[in-house]
Amino acid sequence: MVKQICDTKECRYPLLSLRLLIHIMTSMDNDGRTHISARHLSKALDVHYDTVTKCLKYLRQIDAIQIDR
């Protein structure tokens, strides 16, 4: 997964994408789910909201995360 994120030109923010993925993974419950919003992630990581949503979109495209709505 790390290689797929860091070694591609499709990902505009590879380090931020990794930070987001780690933050999401560490906040999972026993069922493997996390309930966290993009707004919360942007505040927790001190990153602009639009940049966070772009990274989340990329992580969804490569099937690193799934979003339930």
Protein backbone atom coordinates (compact mmCIF):
# COMPACT_ATOMS: atom_id res chain seq x y z
CA MET A 1 0.00 0.00 0.00
CA VAL A 2 2.79 2.44 0.88
CA LYS A 3 4.54 1.74 -2.41
CA GLN A 4 1.30 2.34 -4.29
CA ILE A 5 0.81 5.70 -2.57
CA CYS A 6 4.39 6.96 -2.74
CA ASP A 7 5.56 5.64 -6.10
CA THR A 8 2.82 7.02 -8.30
CA LYS A 9 2.40 10.41 -9.90
CA GLU A 10 -1.38 10.25 -9.45
CA CYS A 11 -1.07 11.05 -5.76
CA ARG A 12 -0.35 14.75 -5.39
CA TYR A 13 0.26 14.58 -1.63
CA PRO A 14 1.86 11.21 -0.81
CA LEU A 15 3.09 12.08 2.69
CA LEU A 16 -0.22 13.58 3.70
CA SER A 17 -2.05 10.56 2.28
CA LEU A 18 0.09 8.29 4.43
CA ARG A 19 -0.55 10.45 7.49
CA LEU A 20 -4.29 10.29 6.84
CA LEU A 21 -4.21 6.54 6.36
CA ILE A 22 -2.29 6.04 9.61
CA HIS A 23 -4.63 8.37 11.49
CA ILE A 24 -7.66 6.51 10.15
CA MET A 25 -6.17 3.10 10.95
CA THR A 26 -5.32 4.06 14.54
CA SER A 27 -8.85 5.29 15.19
CA MET A 28 -10.56 2.03 14.16
CA ASP A 29 -12.85 0.19 16.53
CA ASN A 30 -13.00 -3.59 17.09
CA ASP A 31 -15.06 -4.08 13.93
CA GLY A 32 -12.48 -2.35 11.75
CA ARG A 33 -14.61 0.75 11.33
CA THR A 34 -13.81 4.33 12.06
CA HIS A 35 -16.21 7.22 12.42
CA ILE A 36 -14.24 10.30 11.51
CA SER A 37 -15.01 13.18 9.20
CA ALA A 38 -12.80 14.98 6.73
CA ARG A 39 -13.34 18.15 8.74
CA HIS A 40 -12.08 16.43 11.89
CA LEU A 41 -9.06 15.07 10.02
CA SER A 42 -8.21 18.51 8.66
CA LYS A 43 -8.32 20.02 12.15
CA ALA A 44 -6.42 17.14 13.77
CA LEU A 45 -3.63 17.24 11.19
CA ASP A 46 -3.72 21.03 10.71
CA VAL A 47 -4.24 20.73 6.95
CA HIS A 48 -6.68 22.55 4.67
CA TYR A 49 -10.01 20.74 4.29
CA ASP A 50 -9.89 20.67 0.46
CA THR A 51 -6.46 19.02 0.52
CA VAL A 52 -7.73 16.36 2.93
CA THR A 53 -10.70 15.59 0.70
CA LYS A 54 -8.41 15.22 -2.33
CA CYS A 55 -6.25 12.73 -0.42
CA LEU A 56 -9.30 10.82 0.80
CA LYS A 57 -10.60 10.65 -2.76
CA TYR A 58 -7.28 9.19 -3.92
CA LEU A 59 -7.24 6.66 -1.05
CA ARG A 60 -10.75 5.57 -2.08
CA GLN A 61 -9.66 5.20 -5.71
CA ILE A 62 -6.87 2.78 -4.80
CA ASP A 63 -9.18 0.91 -2.37
CA ALA A 64 -7.13 1.82 0.69
CA ILE A 65 -10.32 3.01 2.43
CA GLN A 66 -14.03 2.66 1.94
CA ILE A 67 -16.54 5.28 2.88
CA ASP A 68 -20.03 4.41 4.06
CA ARG A 69 -22.59 7.15 3.69
